[in-house]
Amino acid sequence: MFQRQAGYDPDHDDWFYVRFDGKGQPTAPKGVPFAGRVPKCITCHQAAPGNDFIYSYTR
């Protein structure tokens, strides 16, 4: 995901989502959007701590 210009999707902090396969190609199950304002991505990322839509993992 990357953050677009202000106004792209202000309700969701202007994030643009893309899903990639193991070879780096955009991909998604048939009939499911895989780039842009993807509802499934937004729903999951809204739950990220800090209200910034970003998950951070440390090991």
N, C-alpha and C. Protein backbone atom coordinates (compact mmCIF):
# COMPACT_ATOMS: atom_id res chain seq x y z
N MET A 1 0.84 -1.17 0.00
CA MET A 1 0.00 0.00 0.00
C MET A 1 0.88 1.23 0.00
N PHE A 2 0.35 2.31 -0.53
CA PHE A 2 1.06 3.57 -0.44
C PHE A 2 0.04 4.69 -0.30
N GLN A 3 0.48 5.80 0.27
CA GLN A 3 -0.43 6.91 0.52
C GLN A 3 -0.43 7.85 -0.68
N ARG A 4 -1.63 8.09 -1.20
CA ARG A 4 -1.80 8.95 -2.36
C ARG A 4 -1.97 10.40 -1.92
N GLN A 5 -2.19 11.27 -2.88
CA GLN A 5 -2.38 12.68 -2.60
C GLN A 5 -3.64 12.90 -1.78
N ALA A 6 -3.63 13.97 -1.00
CA ALA A 6 -4.79 14.32 -0.19
C ALA A 6 -6.03 14.43 -1.07
N GLY A 7 -7.11 13.80 -0.63
CA GLY A 7 -8.36 13.83 -1.37
C GLY A 7 -8.65 12.57 -2.16
N TYR A 8 -7.66 11.68 -2.31
CA TYR A 8 -7.87 10.44 -3.05
C TYR A 8 -8.95 9.60 -2.38
N ASP A 9 -8.83 9.40 -1.08
CA ASP A 9 -9.82 8.66 -0.29
C ASP A 9 -9.73 9.16 1.15
N PRO A 10 -10.21 10.37 1.39
CA PRO A 10 -10.02 11.00 2.69
C PRO A 10 -10.63 10.22 3.86
N ASP A 11 -11.67 9.46 3.62
CA ASP A 11 -12.28 8.67 4.70
C ASP A 11 -11.36 7.55 5.17
N HIS A 12 -10.38 7.20 4.36
CA HIS A 12 -9.47 6.11 4.70
C HIS A 12 -8.02 6.55 4.61
N ASP A 13 -7.78 7.80 4.92
CA ASP A 13 -6.43 8.38 5.02
C ASP A 13 -5.64 8.32 3.71
N ASP A 14 -6.38 8.26 2.59
CA ASP A 14 -5.80 8.35 1.24
C ASP A 14 -4.86 7.20 0.88
N TRP A 15 -5.08 6.01 1.46
CA TRP A 15 -4.25 4.85 1.13
C TRP A 15 -4.72 4.16 -0.14
N PHE A 16 -3.76 3.69 -0.92
CA PHE A 16 -3.99 2.90 -2.14
C PHE A 16 -3.44 1.51 -1.85
N TYR A 17 -4.26 0.49 -2.06
CA TYR A 17 -3.87 -0.89 -1.73
C TYR A 17 -3.61 -1.70 -3.00
N VAL A 18 -2.63 -2.58 -2.93
CA VAL A 18 -2.33 -3.51 -4.02
C VAL A 18 -1.93 -4.84 -3.38
N ARG A 19 -2.44 -5.93 -3.95
CA ARG A 19 -2.08 -7.27 -3.48
C ARG A 19 -1.18 -7.91 -4.54
N PHE A 20 -0.06 -8.49 -4.08
CA PHE A 20 0.90 -9.10 -4.99
C PHE A 20 1.04 -10.59 -4.71
N ASP A 21 1.37 -11.35 -5.74
CA ASP A 21 1.67 -12.77 -5.56
C ASP A 21 3.16 -12.93 -5.24
N GLY A 22 3.62 -14.15 -5.10
CA GLY A 22 5.01 -14.42 -4.75
C GLY A 22 6.01 -13.99 -5.80
N LYS A 23 5.55 -13.71 -7.02
CA LYS A 23 6.43 -13.26 -8.09
C LYS A 23 6.39 -11.75 -8.28
N GLY A 24 5.66 -11.05 -7.40
CA GLY A 24 5.59 -9.61 -7.48
C GLY A 24 4.56 -9.07 -8.46
N GLN A 25 3.65 -9.94 -8.89
CA GLN A 25 2.61 -9.52 -9.83
C GLN A 25 1.31 -9.21 -9.07
N PRO A 26 0.63 -8.12 -9.43
CA PRO A 26 -0.66 -7.85 -8.78
C PRO A 26 -1.61 -9.03 -9.01
N THR A 27 -2.30 -9.44 -7.96
CA THR A 27 -3.17 -10.60 -8.06
C THR A 27 -4.28 -10.54 -7.02
N ALA A 28 -5.35 -11.27 -7.30
CA ALA A 28 -6.47 -11.41 -6.36
C ALA A 28 -7.36 -12.53 -6.85
N PRO A 29 -8.18 -13.08 -5.96
CA PRO A 29 -9.14 -14.09 -6.41
C PRO A 29 -10.05 -13.52 -7.50
N LYS A 30 -10.51 -14.36 -8.38
CA LYS A 30 -11.34 -13.93 -9.50
C LYS A 30 -12.52 -13.08 -9.02
N GLY A 31 -12.69 -11.94 -9.66
CA GLY A 31 -13.81 -11.06 -9.36
C GLY A 31 -13.62 -10.15 -8.16
N VAL A 32 -12.46 -10.22 -7.50
CA VAL A 32 -12.20 -9.39 -6.33
C VAL A 32 -11.22 -8.29 -6.72
N PRO A 33 -11.53 -7.03 -6.40
CA PRO A 33 -10.57 -5.97 -6.74
C PRO A 33 -9.25 -6.19 -6.01
N PHE A 34 -8.15 -5.88 -6.69
CA PHE A 34 -6.84 -6.10 -6.08
C PHE A 34 -6.02 -4.82 -5.97
N ALA A 35 -6.53 -3.71 -6.45
CA ALA A 35 -5.77 -2.46 -6.37
C ALA A 35 -6.73 -1.28 -6.23
N GLY A 36 -6.27 -0.27 -5.52
CA GLY A 36 -7.07 0.94 -5.33
C GLY A 36 -7.72 0.97 -3.97
N ARG A 37 -8.99 1.33 -3.97
CA ARG A 37 -9.77 1.38 -2.73
C ARG A 37 -10.43 0.02 -2.52
N VAL A 38 -9.66 -0.93 -2.04
CA VAL A 38 -10.12 -2.32 -1.90
C VAL A 38 -10.83 -2.47 -0.55
N PRO A 39 -12.15 -2.72 -0.57
CA PRO A 39 -12.90 -2.80 0.69
C PRO A 39 -12.34 -3.79 1.70
N LYS A 40 -11.93 -4.97 1.25
CA LYS A 40 -11.40 -5.97 2.17
C LYS A 40 -10.12 -5.47 2.84
N CYS A 41 -9.26 -4.81 2.10
CA CYS A 41 -8.02 -4.26 2.67
C CYS A 41 -8.35 -3.15 3.68
N ILE A 42 -9.24 -2.26 3.29
CA ILE A 42 -9.61 -1.14 4.17
C ILE A 42 -10.17 -1.65 5.48
N THR A 43 -11.09 -2.63 5.41
CA THR A 43 -11.70 -3.17 6.62
C THR A 43 -10.65 -3.71 7.58
N CYS A 44 -9.70 -4.45 7.06
CA CYS A 44 -8.65 -5.01 7.90
C CYS A 44 -7.74 -3.92 8.46
N HIS A 45 -7.28 -3.02 7.61
CA HIS A 45 -6.32 -2.00 8.03
C HIS A 45 -6.91 -0.95 8.95
N GLN A 46 -8.24 -0.78 8.95
CA GLN A 46 -8.85 0.16 9.89
C GLN A 46 -8.62 -0.29 11.34
N ALA A 47 -8.41 -1.57 11.55
CA ALA A 47 -8.20 -2.10 12.89
C ALA A 47 -6.76 -1.96 13.37
N ALA A 48 -5.86 -1.49 12.51
CA ALA A 48 -4.45 -1.35 12.90
C ALA A 48 -4.33 -0.35 14.04
N PRO A 49 -3.46 -0.63 14.99
CA PRO A 49 -3.27 0.31 16.11
C PRO A 49 -2.71 1.63 15.62
N GLY A 50 -3.07 2.70 16.31
CA GLY A 50 -2.52 4.02 16.00
C GLY A 50 -3.34 4.83 15.01
N ASN A 51 -4.43 4.31 14.51
CA ASN A 51 -5.32 5.03 13.59
C ASN A 51 -4.62 5.52 12.32
N ASP A 52 -3.58 4.80 11.87
CA ASP A 52 -2.90 5.22 10.64
C ASP A 52 -2.98 4.16 9.55
N PHE A 53 -3.75 3.08 9.78
CA PHE A 53 -3.98 2.01 8.81
C PHE A 53 -2.74 1.14 8.57
N ILE A 54 -1.68 1.32 9.36
CA ILE A 54 -0.43 0.59 9.15
C ILE A 54 -0.20 -0.42 10.26
N TYR A 55 0.07 -1.66 9.87
CA TYR A 55 0.49 -2.68 10.83
C TYR A 55 2.02 -2.68 10.86
N SER A 56 2.56 -2.82 12.04
CA SER A 56 4.01 -2.88 12.21
C SER A 56 4.34 -4.11 13.03
N TYR A 57 5.31 -4.88 12.56
CA TYR A 57 5.70 -6.11 13.25
C TYR A 57 7.17 -6.03 13.63
N THR A 58 7.44 -6.43 14.84
CA THR A 58 8.84 -6.52 15.28
C THR A 58 9.08 -7.95 15.74
N ARG A 59 10.28 -8.40 15.58
CA ARG A 59 10.63 -9.76 15.99
C ARG A 59 11.62 -9.73 17.11
